C-alpha atoms as a PDB file:
ATOM      1  CA  MET A   1      17.152 -21.258 -12.534  1.00  0.00           C
ATOM      2  CA  ASP A   2      15.988 -22.626  -9.434  1.00  0.00           C
ATOM      3  CA  ILE A   3      14.631 -19.965  -7.846  1.00  0.00           C
ATOM      4  CA  GLU A   4      11.145 -18.294  -7.485  1.00  0.00           C
ATOM      5  CA  ILE A   5      10.688 -14.544  -8.204  1.00  0.00           C
ATOM      6  CA  THR A   6       7.542 -12.459  -7.795  1.00  0.00           C
ATOM      7  CA  GLU A   7       6.729  -8.776  -8.521  1.00  0.00           C
ATOM      8  CA  GLU A   8       4.999  -7.240  -5.180  1.00  0.00           C
ATOM      9  CA  GLY A   9       1.527  -6.706  -5.842  1.00  0.00           C
ATOM     10  CA  THR A  10       1.176  -8.369  -9.189  1.00  0.00           C
ATOM     11  CA  GLY A  11       2.620 -11.898  -8.709  1.00  0.00           C
ATOM     12  CA  PRO A  12       5.001 -14.490 -10.099  1.00  0.00           C
ATOM     13  CA  ILE A  13       7.874 -13.345 -12.495  1.00  0.00           C
ATOM     14  CA  LEU A  14       8.069 -15.109 -16.003  1.00  0.00           C
ATOM     15  CA  ILE A  15      11.482 -16.678 -16.387  1.00  0.00           C
ATOM     16  CA  THR A  16      12.332 -17.659 -20.063  1.00  0.00           C
ATOM     17  CA  GLN A  17      15.305 -18.509 -22.206  1.00  0.00           C
ATOM     18  CA  ASP A  18      13.516 -17.304 -25.389  1.00  0.00           C
ATOM     19  CA  ILE A  19      15.603 -14.394 -25.734  1.00  0.00           C
ATOM     20  CA  PRO A  20      14.033 -11.605 -28.418  1.00  0.00           C
ATOM     21  CA  GLU A  21      16.368 -10.190 -31.026  1.00  0.00           C
ATOM     22  CA  ASP A  22      16.412  -6.733 -29.616  1.00  0.00           C
ATOM     23  CA  ILE A  23      17.692  -7.901 -26.277  1.00  0.00           C
ATOM     24  CA  SER A  24      20.001 -10.724 -27.610  1.00  0.00           C
ATOM     25  CA  LYS A  25      22.362  -7.925 -28.853  1.00  0.00           C
ATOM     26  CA  LYS A  26      23.178  -7.315 -25.151  1.00  0.00           C
ATOM     27  CA  LEU A  27      24.242 -11.092 -24.469  1.00  0.00           C
ATOM     28  CA  LEU A  28      27.633 -11.668 -23.458  1.00  0.00           C
ATOM     29  CA  MET A  29      29.836 -14.490 -25.130  1.00  0.00           C
ATOM     30  CA  ASN A  30      29.370 -18.039 -23.652  1.00  0.00           C
ATOM     31  CA  ALA A  31      26.754 -16.777 -21.105  1.00  0.00           C
ATOM     32  CA  ILE A  32      23.496 -18.730 -20.320  1.00  0.00           C
ATOM     33  CA  PRO A  33      20.822 -16.305 -20.757  1.00  0.00           C
ATOM     34  CA  TYR A  34      17.488 -15.914 -18.432  1.00  0.00           C
ATOM     35  CA  LEU A  35      14.720 -13.179 -19.538  1.00  0.00           C
ATOM     36  CA  LEU A  36      12.519 -12.310 -16.732  1.00  0.00           C
ATOM     37  CA  LYS A  37       9.088 -10.397 -17.486  1.00  0.00           C
ATOM     38  CA  GLY A  38       7.052  -8.757 -15.071  1.00  0.00           C
ATOM     39  CA  GLU A  39       4.267  -6.180 -14.935  1.00  0.00           C
ATOM     40  CA  SER A  40       6.376  -3.127 -14.666  1.00  0.00           C
ATOM     41  CA  CYS A  41       9.723  -4.277 -14.900  1.00  0.00           C
ATOM     42  CA  GLU A  42      11.766  -6.551 -17.425  1.00  0.00           C
ATOM     43  CA  ALA A  43      15.386  -8.144 -16.642  1.00  0.00           C
ATOM     44  CA  LEU A  44      18.043 -10.117 -18.021  1.00  0.00           C
ATOM     45  CA  PHE A  45      20.320 -12.579 -16.300  1.00  0.00           C
ATOM     46  CA  GLN A  46      23.299 -13.972 -17.544  1.00  0.00           C
ATOM     47  CA  GLN A  47      25.330 -16.558 -16.293  1.00  0.00           C
ATOM     48  CA  LEU A  48      28.791 -17.329 -16.801  1.00  0.00           C
ATOM     49  CA  PRO A  49      29.855 -20.472 -15.007  1.00  0.00           C
ATOM     50  CA  GLY A  50      33.230 -21.198 -13.629  1.00  0.00           C
ATOM     51  CA  ASP A  51      35.299 -23.603 -11.796  1.00  0.00           C
ATOM     52  CA  GLY A  52      34.475 -23.107  -8.126  1.00  0.00           C
ATOM     53  CA  PHE A  53      32.121 -20.117  -9.036  1.00  0.00           C
ATOM     54  CA  ASN A  54      29.336 -18.542 -11.109  1.00  0.00           C
ATOM     55  CA  VAL A  55      29.272 -15.181 -12.052  1.00  0.00           C
ATOM     56  CA  TRP A  56      25.883 -13.679 -12.899  1.00  0.00           C
ATOM     57  CA  TYR A  57      26.132  -9.942 -14.724  1.00  0.00           C
ATOM     58  CA  SER A  58      22.079  -8.755 -14.124  1.00  0.00           C
ATOM     59  CA  GLN A  59      20.314  -5.889 -16.071  1.00  0.00           C
ATOM     60  CA  TYR A  60      16.823  -4.608 -14.994  1.00  0.00           C
ATOM     61  CA  TRP A  61      14.689  -2.284 -16.768  1.00  0.00           C
ATOM     62  CA  ILE A  62      11.886  -0.737 -14.552  1.00  0.00           C
ATOM     63  CA  GLY A  63       9.159   0.797 -16.240  1.00  0.00           C
ATOM     64  CA  ASN A  64       6.823   3.910 -15.328  1.00  0.00           C
ATOM     65  CA  ARG A  65       6.410   3.077 -11.376  1.00  0.00           C
ATOM     66  CA  ALA A  66       8.408   1.926  -8.801  1.00  0.00           C
ATOM     67  CA  THR A  67       8.835  -1.874  -8.393  1.00  0.00           C
ATOM     68  CA  VAL A  68       9.712  -4.457  -5.708  1.00  0.00           C
ATOM     69  CA  LEU A  69      10.823  -7.950  -6.391  1.00  0.00           C
ATOM     70  CA  ARG A  70      10.872 -10.720  -4.361  1.00  0.00           C
ATOM     71  CA  ALA A  71      13.128 -14.017  -4.563  1.00  0.00           C
ATOM     72  CA  ARG A  72      12.987 -17.202  -2.671  1.00  0.00           C
ATOM     73  CA  ALA A  73      15.245 -20.653  -2.996  1.00  0.00           C
ATOM     74  CA  GLY A  74      16.193 -23.234  -0.468  1.00  0.00           C
ATOM     75  CA  SER A  75      19.659 -23.041  -1.560  1.00  0.00           C
ATOM     76  CA  PRO A  76      22.628 -21.284   0.275  1.00  0.00           C
ATOM     77  CA  VAL A  77      24.326 -18.369  -1.591  1.00  0.00           C
ATOM     78  CA  LEU A  78      28.069 -17.312  -0.925  1.00  0.00           C
ATOM     79  CA  GLU A  79      28.519 -14.081  -2.818  1.00  0.00           C
ATOM     80  CA  LEU A  80      30.393 -11.063  -3.839  1.00  0.00           C
ATOM     81  CA  ARG A  81      27.878  -8.456  -4.697  1.00  0.00           C
ATOM     82  CA  ILE A  82      28.431  -5.439  -7.057  1.00  0.00           C
ATOM     83  CA  ALA A  83      26.075  -2.482  -7.781  1.00  0.00           C
ATOM     84  CA  TRP A  84      27.601  -1.481 -11.227  1.00  0.00           C
ATOM     85  CA  LYS A  85      24.667   0.949 -12.165  1.00  0.00           C
ATOM     86  CA  ASN A  86      22.325   2.592  -9.608  1.00  0.00           C
ATOM     87  CA  GLN A  87      22.122   1.760  -5.989  1.00  0.00           C
ATOM     88  CA  ILE A  88      20.598  -1.473  -4.608  1.00  0.00           C
ATOM     89  CA  ASN A  89      18.354  -1.333  -1.527  1.00  0.00           C
ATOM     90  CA  GLY A  90      16.608  -4.374   0.135  1.00  0.00           C
ATOM     91  CA  THR A  91      16.127  -6.974   2.941  1.00  0.00           C
ATOM     92  CA  TRP A  92      17.261 -10.427   3.779  1.00  0.00           C
ATOM     93  CA  ASP A  93      14.656 -12.293   5.687  1.00  0.00           C
ATOM     94  CA  ASN A  94      13.126  -9.048   6.751  1.00  0.00           C
ATOM     95  CA  ILE A  95      16.150  -7.662   7.902  1.00  0.00           C
ATOM     96  CA  THR A  96      17.331  -4.430   6.102  1.00  0.00           C
ATOM     97  CA  GLN A  97      20.596  -4.769   4.267  1.00  0.00           C
ATOM     98  CA  PRO A  98      23.004  -1.698   4.042  1.00  0.00           C
ATOM     99  CA  ILE A  99      22.476   0.041   0.951  1.00  0.00           C
ATOM    100  CA  LEU A 100      24.678  -0.959  -1.983  1.00  0.00           C
ATOM    101  CA  LYS A 101      25.445   2.400  -3.946  1.00  0.00           C
ATOM    102  CA  GLU A 102      26.721   2.514  -7.366  1.00  0.00           C
ATOM    103  CA  TYR A 103      30.291   1.071  -7.553  1.00  0.00           C
ATOM    104  CA  PHE A 104      30.450  -0.642  -4.140  1.00  0.00           C
ATOM    105  CA  PHE A 105      30.385  -3.960  -3.162  1.00  0.00           C
ATOM    106  CA  SER A 106      29.849  -6.374  -0.239  1.00  0.00           C
ATOM    107  CA  VAL A 107      30.411  -9.997   0.383  1.00  0.00           C
ATOM    108  CA  GLY A 108      28.160 -12.381   2.361  1.00  0.00           C
ATOM    109  CA  PHE A 109      26.581 -15.589   3.070  1.00  0.00           C
ATOM    110  CA  THR A 110      23.031 -16.447   3.640  1.00  0.00           C
ATOM    111  CA  PRO A 111      21.699 -20.235   4.130  1.00  0.00           C
ATOM    112  CA  TYR A 112      18.813 -19.730   1.921  1.00  0.00           C
ATOM    113  CA  VAL A 113      17.128 -17.199  -0.386  1.00  0.00           C
ATOM    114  CA  LEU A 114      14.479 -14.757   1.034  1.00  0.00           C
ATOM    115  CA  THR A 115      15.173 -11.304  -0.269  1.00  0.00           C
ATOM    116  CA  ARG A 116      13.084  -8.157  -1.223  1.00  0.00           C
ATOM    117  CA  ALA A 117      14.717  -5.576  -3.317  1.00  0.00           C
ATOM    118  CA  GLU A 118      13.299  -1.969  -4.449  1.00  0.00           C
ATOM    119  CA  PHE A 119      13.607  -0.360  -7.623  1.00  0.00           C
ATOM    120  CA  GLU A 120      12.886   3.176  -8.657  1.00  0.00           C
ATOM    121  CA  ALA A 121      10.809   3.972 -11.681  1.00  0.00           C
ATOM    122  CA  ASN A 122      12.295   4.568 -15.449  1.00  0.00           C
ATOM    123  CA  LYS A 123      15.621   3.459 -14.402  1.00  0.00           C
ATOM    124  CA  GLU A 124      18.186   0.767 -15.279  1.00  0.00           C
ATOM    125  CA  TYR A 125      20.069  -1.440 -12.741  1.00  0.00           C
ATOM    126  CA  ILE A 126      23.106  -3.279 -13.430  1.00  0.00           C
ATOM    127  CA  THR A 127      24.827  -5.767 -10.794  1.00  0.00           C
ATOM    128  CA  MET A 128      27.330  -8.323 -11.119  1.00  0.00           C
ATOM    129  CA  ASP A 129      27.236 -11.026  -8.634  1.00  0.00           C
ATOM    130  CA  ILE A 130      29.981 -13.768  -8.298  1.00  0.00           C
ATOM    131  CA  HIS A 131      28.716 -16.959  -6.473  1.00  0.00           C
ATOM    132  CA  PHE A 132      31.399 -18.903  -4.792  1.00  0.00           C
ATOM    133  CA  ASP A 133      31.704 -22.408  -3.710  1.00  0.00           C
ATOM    134  CA  LEU A 134      32.908 -22.661  -0.468  1.00  0.00           C
ATOM    135  CA  SER A 135      36.366 -24.473  -1.412  1.00  0.00           C
ATOM    136  CA  PHE A 136      37.044 -21.656  -3.849  1.00  0.00           C
ATOM    137  CA  LEU A 137      37.532 -19.158  -0.536  1.00  0.00           C
ATOM    138  CA  GLU A 138      38.920 -21.513   2.142  1.00  0.00           C
ATOM    139  CA  GLU A 139      42.561 -21.392   0.423  1.00  0.00           C
ATOM    140  CA  MET A 140      42.678 -17.564   0.694  1.00  0.00           C
ATOM    141  CA  GLY A 141      41.145 -17.692   4.102  1.00  0.00           C
ATOM    142  CA  MET A 142      44.424 -18.960   5.921  1.00  0.00           C
ATOM    143  CA  ASP A 143      45.997 -15.559   4.772  1.00  0.00           C
ATOM    144  CA  PHE A 144      43.555 -13.279   5.508  1.00  0.00           C
ATOM    145  CA  LYS A 145      42.127 -12.714   9.054  1.00  0.00           C
ATOM    146  CA  SER A 146      38.777 -11.234   8.036  1.00  0.00           C
ATOM    147  CA  LEU A 147      37.838 -14.175   5.354  1.00  0.00           C
ATOM    148  CA  ASP A 148      38.942 -16.915   7.980  1.00  0.00           C
ATOM    149  CA  ILE A 149      36.318 -15.559  10.887  1.00  0.00           C
ATOM    150  CA  PHE A 150      33.637 -14.799   8.089  1.00  0.00           C
ATOM    151  CA  LEU A 151      34.288 -18.418   6.661  1.00  0.00           C
ATOM    152  CA  LYS A 152      33.820 -20.098  10.483  1.00  0.00           C
ATOM    153  CA  LYS A 153      30.333 -18.631  10.538  1.00  0.00           C
ATOM    154  CA  VAL A 154      29.949 -19.933   6.700  1.00  0.00           C
ATOM    155  CA  GLN A 155      30.689 -23.410   7.936  1.00  0.00           C
ATOM    156  CA  LYS A 156      28.320 -23.434  10.649  1.00  0.00           C
ATOM    157  CA  ASP A 157      25.695 -22.066   8.318  1.00  0.00           C
ATOM    158  CA  GLU A 158      25.245 -19.004   9.876  1.00  0.00           C
ATOM    159  CA  PRO A 159      24.158 -15.709   7.753  1.00  0.00           C
ATOM    160  CA  ALA A 160      27.317 -13.515   7.713  1.00  0.00           C
ATOM    161  CA  GLU A 161      28.990 -10.341   6.151  1.00  0.00           C
ATOM    162  CA  LEU A 162      32.919 -10.204   5.489  1.00  0.00           C
ATOM    163  CA  SER A 163      32.411  -6.511   6.484  1.00  0.00           C
ATOM    164  CA  SER A 164      29.808  -4.718   8.381  1.00  0.00           C
ATOM    165  CA  PHE A 165      29.599  -1.739   5.985  1.00  0.00           C
ATOM    166  CA  PRO A 166      29.740  -1.649   2.093  1.00  0.00           C
ATOM    167  CA  HIS A 167      32.852  -0.708   0.570  1.00  0.00           C
ATOM    168  CA  SER A 168      33.812   1.340  -2.846  1.00  0.00           C
ATOM    169  CA  CYS A 169      34.996  -0.655  -5.788  1.00  0.00           C
ATOM    170  CA  PRO A 170      38.494  -0.210  -6.221  1.00  0.00           C
ATOM    171  CA  GLY A 171      40.146   0.588  -9.509  1.00  0.00           C
ATOM    172  CA  GLU A 172      41.462  -3.118  -9.849  1.00  0.00           C
ATOM    173  CA  MET A 173      37.875  -4.416  -9.396  1.00  0.00           C
ATOM    174  CA  LYS A 174      36.361  -1.967 -11.924  1.00  0.00           C
ATOM    175  CA  ASP A 175      38.813  -3.146 -14.436  1.00  0.00           C
ATOM    176  CA  ALA A 176      38.274  -6.866 -13.695  1.00  0.00           C
ATOM    177  CA  VAL A 177      34.650  -6.476 -14.126  1.00  0.00           C
ATOM    178  CA  LYS A 178      35.450  -4.611 -17.279  1.00  0.00           C
ATOM    179  CA  ALA A 179      37.614  -7.267 -18.989  1.00  0.00           C
ATOM    180  CA  ILE A 180      34.957  -9.854 -17.913  1.00  0.00           C
ATOM    181  CA  LEU A 181      32.246  -7.785 -19.955  1.00  0.00           C
ATOM    182  CA  LYS A 182      34.471  -7.243 -22.659  1.00  0.00           C
ATOM    183  CA  ASN A 183      36.111 -10.818 -22.940  1.00  0.00           C
ATOM    184  CA  LYS A 184      36.263 -11.932 -26.486  1.00  0.00           C
ATOM    185  CA  TYR A 185      38.768 -14.497 -26.386  1.00  0.00           C
ATOM    186  CA  SER A 186      38.777 -17.835 -27.911  1.00  0.00           C
ATOM    187  CA  LYS A 187      36.586 -20.610 -25.786  1.00  0.00           C
ATOM    188  CA  PRO A 188      39.483 -21.971 -23.696  1.00  0.00           C
ATOM    189  CA  GLY A 189      40.933 -18.375 -23.395  1.00  0.00           C
ATOM    190  CA  ARG A 190      37.300 -17.020 -22.122  1.00  0.00           C
ATOM    191  CA  LYS A 191      37.250 -19.979 -19.626  1.00  0.00           C
ATOM    192  CA  TYR A 192      40.997 -19.017 -18.288  1.00  0.00           C
ATOM    193  CA  LEU A 193      40.203 -15.201 -18.345  1.00  0.00           C
ATOM    194  CA  LEU A 194      37.054 -15.327 -16.433  1.00  0.00           C
ATOM    195  CA  LYS A 195      38.979 -17.674 -13.693  1.00  0.00           C
ATOM    196  CA  PHE A 196      41.465 -14.974 -13.406  1.00  0.00           C
ATOM    197  CA  LYS A 197      39.392 -11.981 -13.179  1.00  0.00           C
ATOM    198  CA  ALA A 198      36.944 -13.257 -10.895  1.00  0.00           C
ATOM    199  CA  GLY A 199      40.189 -14.392  -8.348  1.00  0.00           C
ATOM    200  CA  GLU A 200      41.188 -10.656  -9.332  1.00  0.00           C
ATOM    201  CA  ILE A 201      37.924  -9.251  -8.067  1.00  0.00           C
ATOM    202  CA  LEU A 202      37.962 -11.151  -4.905  1.00  0.00           C
ATOM    203  CA  LEU A 203      41.511 -10.283  -3.819  1.00  0.00           C
ATOM    204  CA  ALA A 204      40.731  -6.761  -4.694  1.00  0.00           C
ATOM    205  CA  ALA A 205      37.762  -7.012  -2.174  1.00  0.00           C
ATOM    206  CA  LEU A 206      40.007  -8.728   0.563  1.00  0.00           C
ATOM    207  CA  GLU A 207      42.603  -6.176   0.176  1.00  0.00           C
ATOM    208  CA  ALA A 208      40.169  -3.307   0.332  1.00  0.00           C
ATOM    209  CA  ILE A 209      38.167  -4.747   3.632  1.00  0.00           C
ATOM    210  CA  GLY A 210      41.720  -5.556   5.144  1.00  0.00           C
ATOM    211  CA  ARG A 211      43.013  -1.953   4.506  1.00  0.00           C
ATOM    212  CA  THR A 212      40.255  -0.493   6.392  1.00  0.00           C
ATOM    213  CA  GLU A 213      40.629  -3.012   9.397  1.00  0.00           C
ATOM    214  CA  LEU A 214      44.437  -2.514   9.651  1.00  0.00           C
ATOM    215  CA  LEU A 215      44.685   1.183   9.360  1.00  0.00           C
ATOM    216  CA  LEU A 216      41.384   2.728  10.568  1.00  0.00           C
ATOM    217  CA  PRO A 217      42.594   4.300  13.891  1.00  0.00           C
ATOM    218  CA  LEU A 218      38.618   3.742  15.088  1.00  0.00           C
ATOM    219  CA  PRO A 219      35.815   1.836  13.806  1.00  0.00           C
ATOM    220  CA  LEU A 220      33.323   3.330  11.797  1.00  0.00           C
ATOM    221  CA  ARG A 221      29.919   3.476  13.289  1.00  0.00           C
ATOM    222  CA  THR A 222      26.726   3.238  11.419  1.00  0.00           C
ATOM    223  CA  ALA A 223      26.391   7.123  11.763  1.00  0.00           C
ATOM    224  CA  ASP A 224      29.892   7.909  10.766  1.00  0.00           C
ATOM    225  CA  ILE A 225      29.149   5.612   7.508  1.00  0.00           C
ATOM    226  CA  ASN A 226      26.080   7.524   6.926  1.00  0.00           C
ATOM    227  CA  LYS A 227      27.854  10.958   7.068  1.00  0.00           C
ATOM    228  CA  LEU A 228      30.723   9.949   4.802  1.00  0.00           C
ATOM    229  CA  GLN A 229      27.844   8.747   2.153  1.00  0.00           C
ATOM    230  CA  GLU A 230      26.543  12.089   2.601  1.00  0.00           C
ATOM    231  CA  ALA A 231      29.835  13.796   2.225  1.00  0.00           C
ATOM    232  CA  ARG A 232      30.112  11.989  -1.083  1.00  0.00           C
ATOM    233  CA  ASP A 233      26.677  13.452  -2.124  1.00  0.00           C
ATOM    234  CA  VAL A 234      27.809  16.825  -0.923  1.00  0.00           C
ATOM    235  CA  ILE A 235      30.726  16.784  -3.419  1.00  0.00           C
ATOM    236  CA  LYS A 236      28.539  15.483  -6.332  1.00  0.00           C
ATOM    237  CA  GLU A 237      25.856  18.032  -5.873  1.00  0.00           C
ATOM    238  CA  ASN A 238      28.377  20.993  -5.870  1.00  0.00           C
ATOM    239  CA  MET A 239      29.749  19.934  -9.085  1.00  0.00           C
ATOM    240  CA  PRO A 240      31.760  21.413 -11.092  1.00  0.00           C
ATOM    241  CA  ASP A 241      33.216  23.206  -8.198  1.00  0.00           C
ATOM    242  CA  TRP A 242      35.294  22.217  -5.109  1.00  0.00           C
ATOM    243  CA  ILE A 243      33.689  23.550  -1.931  1.00  0.00           C
ATOM    244  CA  GLY A 244      36.830  22.233   0.256  1.00  0.00           C
ATOM    245  CA  PRO A 245      36.825  19.846   3.221  1.00  0.00           C
ATOM    246  CA  PHE A 246      35.467  22.608   5.896  1.00  0.00           C
ATOM    247  CA  GLU A 247      32.307  23.126   4.075  1.00  0.00           C
ATOM    248  CA  ILE A 248      31.843  19.614   3.213  1.00  0.00           C
ATOM    249  CA  CYS A 249      32.440  19.119   7.305  1.00  0.00           C
ATOM    250  CA  ARG A 250      29.921  21.941   7.886  1.00  0.00           C
ATOM    251  CA  LYS A 251      27.054  20.184   5.590  1.00  0.00           C
ATOM    252  CA  THR A 252      27.904  16.848   7.108  1.00  0.00           C
ATOM    253  CA  GLY A 253      28.639  17.045  10.543  1.00  0.00           C
ATOM    254  CA  LEU A 254      31.621  15.077  10.343  1.00  0.00           C
ATOM    255  CA  ASN A 255      35.030  16.124  11.960  1.00  0.00           C
ATOM    256  CA  GLN A 256      38.230  17.038   9.898  1.00  0.00           C
ATOM    257  CA  LEU A 257      39.901  13.515  11.013  1.00  0.00           C
ATOM    258  CA  LYS A 258      36.948  11.378  10.115  1.00  0.00           C
ATOM    259  CA  LEU A 259      36.539  13.129   6.842  1.00  0.00           C
ATOM    260  CA  LYS A 260      40.010  12.776   5.846  1.00  0.00           C
ATOM    261  CA  VAL A 261      40.509   9.364   7.378  1.00  0.00           C
ATOM    262  CA  GLY A 262      37.215   7.768   7.125  1.00  0.00           C
ATOM    263  CA  PHE A 263      36.705   8.990   3.555  1.00  0.00           C
ATOM    264  CA  ASN A 264      39.940   7.201   2.246  1.00  0.00           C
ATOM    265  CA  HIS A 265      39.090   3.707   4.033  1.00  0.00           C
ATOM    266  CA  LEU A 266      35.516   3.748   3.108  1.00  0.00           C
ATOM    267  CA  PHE A 267      36.093   4.806  -0.567  1.00  0.00           C
ATOM    268  CA  ASN A 268      39.707   4.159  -0.917  1.00  0.00           C
ATOM    269  CA  GLN A 269      40.211   7.719  -2.261  1.00  0.00           C
ATOM    270  CA  THR A 270      40.305  10.957  -0.552  1.00  0.00           C
ATOM    271  CA  PRO A 271      37.475  13.516  -1.001  1.00  0.00           C
ATOM    272  CA  TYR A 272      39.404  15.429  -3.312  1.00  0.00           C
ATOM    273  CA  GLU A 273      40.255  12.272  -5.655  1.00  0.00           C
ATOM    274  CA  TYR A 274      36.518  11.824  -5.804  1.00  0.00           C
ATOM    275  CA  PHE A 275      35.782  15.325  -6.781  1.00  0.00           C
ATOM    276  CA  LEU A 276      38.434  14.988  -9.732  1.00  0.00           C
ATOM    277  CA  GLU A 277      36.886  11.567 -10.611  1.00  0.00           C
ATOM    278  CA  LEU A 278      33.412  13.078 -11.128  1.00  0.00           C
ATOM    279  CA  ARG A 279      35.122  15.982 -12.933  1.00  0.00           C
ATOM    280  CA  MET A 280      36.741  13.399 -15.444  1.00  0.00           C
ATOM    281  CA  GLU A 281      33.399  11.124 -15.721  1.00  0.00           C
ATOM    282  CA  GLU A 282      31.523  14.387 -16.428  1.00  0.00           C
ATOM    283  CA  ALA A 283      34.150  15.669 -19.315  1.00  0.00           C
ATOM    284  CA  LYS A 284      33.733  11.900 -20.701  1.00  0.00           C
ATOM    285  CA  ARG A 285      30.103  11.965 -20.805  1.00  0.00           C
ATOM    286  CA  LEU A 286      30.477  15.559 -22.528  1.00  0.00           C
ATOM    287  CA  LEU A 287      32.664  14.415 -25.287  1.00  0.00           C
ATOM    288  CA  VAL A 288      30.751  11.130 -25.829  1.00  0.00           C
ATOM    289  CA  GLU A 289      27.706  13.732 -26.714  1.00  0.00           C
ATOM    290  CA  GLY A 290      30.166  15.524 -29.334  1.00  0.00           C
ATOM    291  CA  LYS A 291      28.349  18.932 -28.758  1.00  0.00           C
ATOM    292  CA  GLU A 292      31.413  20.999 -27.364  1.00  0.00           C
ATOM    293  CA  SER A 293      35.085  21.451 -28.064  1.00  0.00           C
ATOM    294  CA  ILE A 294      37.582  20.134 -26.044  1.00  0.00           C
ATOM    295  CA  THR A 295      38.600  23.342 -24.830  1.00  0.00           C
ATOM    296  CA  ASP A 296      34.968  24.365 -23.775  1.00  0.00           C
ATOM    297  CA  ILE A 297      34.375  20.908 -22.053  1.00  0.00           C
ATOM    298  CA  ALA A 298      37.594  21.673 -20.080  1.00  0.00           C
ATOM    299  CA  TYR A 299      35.843  24.836 -18.892  1.00  0.00           C
ATOM    300  CA  LEU A 300      32.577  23.138 -18.258  1.00  0.00           C
ATOM    301  CA  ALA A 301      34.239  20.419 -16.212  1.00  0.00           C
ATOM    302  CA  GLY A 302      35.656  23.548 -13.929  1.00  0.00           C
ATOM    303  CA  TYR A 303      39.267  24.017 -15.432  1.00  0.00           C
ATOM    304  CA  LYS A 304      40.269  27.569 -16.453  1.00  0.00           C
ATOM    305  CA  HIS A 305      43.244  25.969 -18.693  1.00  0.00           C
ATOM    306  CA  SER A 306      42.633  23.466 -21.023  1.00  0.00           C
ATOM    307  CA  GLY A 307      46.289  22.279 -20.430  1.00  0.00           C
ATOM    308  CA  SER A 308      45.234  21.203 -16.976  1.00  0.00           C
ATOM    309  CA  PHE A 309      42.295  19.692 -17.909  1.00  0.00           C
ATOM    310  CA  SER A 310      44.174  17.476 -20.747  1.00  0.00           C
ATOM    311  CA  LYS A 311      46.798  16.584 -18.109  1.00  0.00           C
ATOM    312  CA  GLN A 312      44.270  15.357 -15.680  1.00  0.00           C
ATOM    313  CA  PHE A 313      42.418  13.345 -18.272  1.00  0.00           C
ATOM    314  CA  ARG A 314      45.120  11.578 -19.015  1.00  0.00           C
ATOM    315  CA  LYS A 315      46.408  10.691 -15.838  1.00  0.00           C
ATOM    316  CA  THR A 316      42.966   9.357 -14.972  1.00  0.00           C
ATOM    317  CA  PHE A 317      42.305   7.331 -17.821  1.00  0.00           C
ATOM    318  CA  GLY A 318      45.424   6.861 -19.311  1.00  0.00           C
ATOM    319  CA  TYR A 319      44.665   8.227 -22.519  1.00  0.00           C
ATOM    320  CA  THR A 320      44.262  11.732 -23.757  1.00  0.00           C
ATOM    321  CA  ALA A 321      40.844  13.201 -24.732  1.00  0.00           C
ATOM    322  CA  SER A 322      41.563  13.507 -28.185  1.00  0.00           C
ATOM    323  CA  GLN A 323      42.322   9.685 -28.270  1.00  0.00           C
ATOM    324  CA  PHE A 324      39.039   8.950 -26.476  1.00  0.00           C
ATOM    325  CA  LEU A 325      37.063  10.908 -29.325  1.00  0.00           C
ATOM    326  CA  LYS A 326      38.884   8.973 -31.937  1.00  0.00           C
ATOM    327  CA  ASN A 327      39.181   5.483 -30.175  1.00  0.00           C
ATOM    328  CA  GLY A 328      36.624   5.671 -27.437  1.00  0.00           C
ATOM    329  CA  ASP A 329      37.201   3.502 -24.534  1.00  0.00           C
ATOM    330  CA  PHE A 330      40.393   1.223 -24.441  1.00  0.00           C
END
């Protein structure tokens, strides 16, 4: 790895390819692994090389105190960033970057690496980054206006973001990431699946950003984005109850139009769809724990009738709660 990483307050991070047995179980097939060891953190970076791109799947394990990591390198980075577990806070060259919440993505370019990332104590963080060659994106730039504008800045070696704010990962993007992580095809098959899925992730990003640009009646200001993110937090804090749009607006200061239209374009779902997603994820968590019956889990998830719960579970995941208990994630 041609990069220098330091832990703020302690010094350089050791980077090695000697992977201990307990961590080797986490390795993806055909990945090039790098283990990072610091005073209060450990990380596993896995590189999956592709034709015109590199996928980086990174896991960070933070000890009992908050950690700040700084990275420095002279080479440019053109990347799609996904926060897969826990939110990422950081800066580039002392410029604060938008918070990348869990299951959000952004696409950006920096002419060199000079980053600072903050991590809370006793947490695991997971990111997936796809570093693209410029040629990989140029072909698609002809068909996507936002990408064409972005690439013109990249060609001038100017720092740039494809969108002014992070976007929620659409379902197609999440499915493509999962397919990469579970890729167990033959060696030639793994290579082609990686290429197709990396392209699919990029396409899902361009479509999600394009929908916002084409359909949003008014541009979202930073204050609007912060309030919409707060709306997600309000919905989550009141689980398993649905408090409704009027109460969400009262708590966040949004008006009904901004909540309805802005939420949908920023997160690719309505507030109520997000509420249902949280309900189902909590139900799945309870099923994995195995302490409650499906009927009791339906009640704990906020459903008065198990039939309604079963119908929504199948609609969300494509299989029933009983099938999930028997076979796990499909």
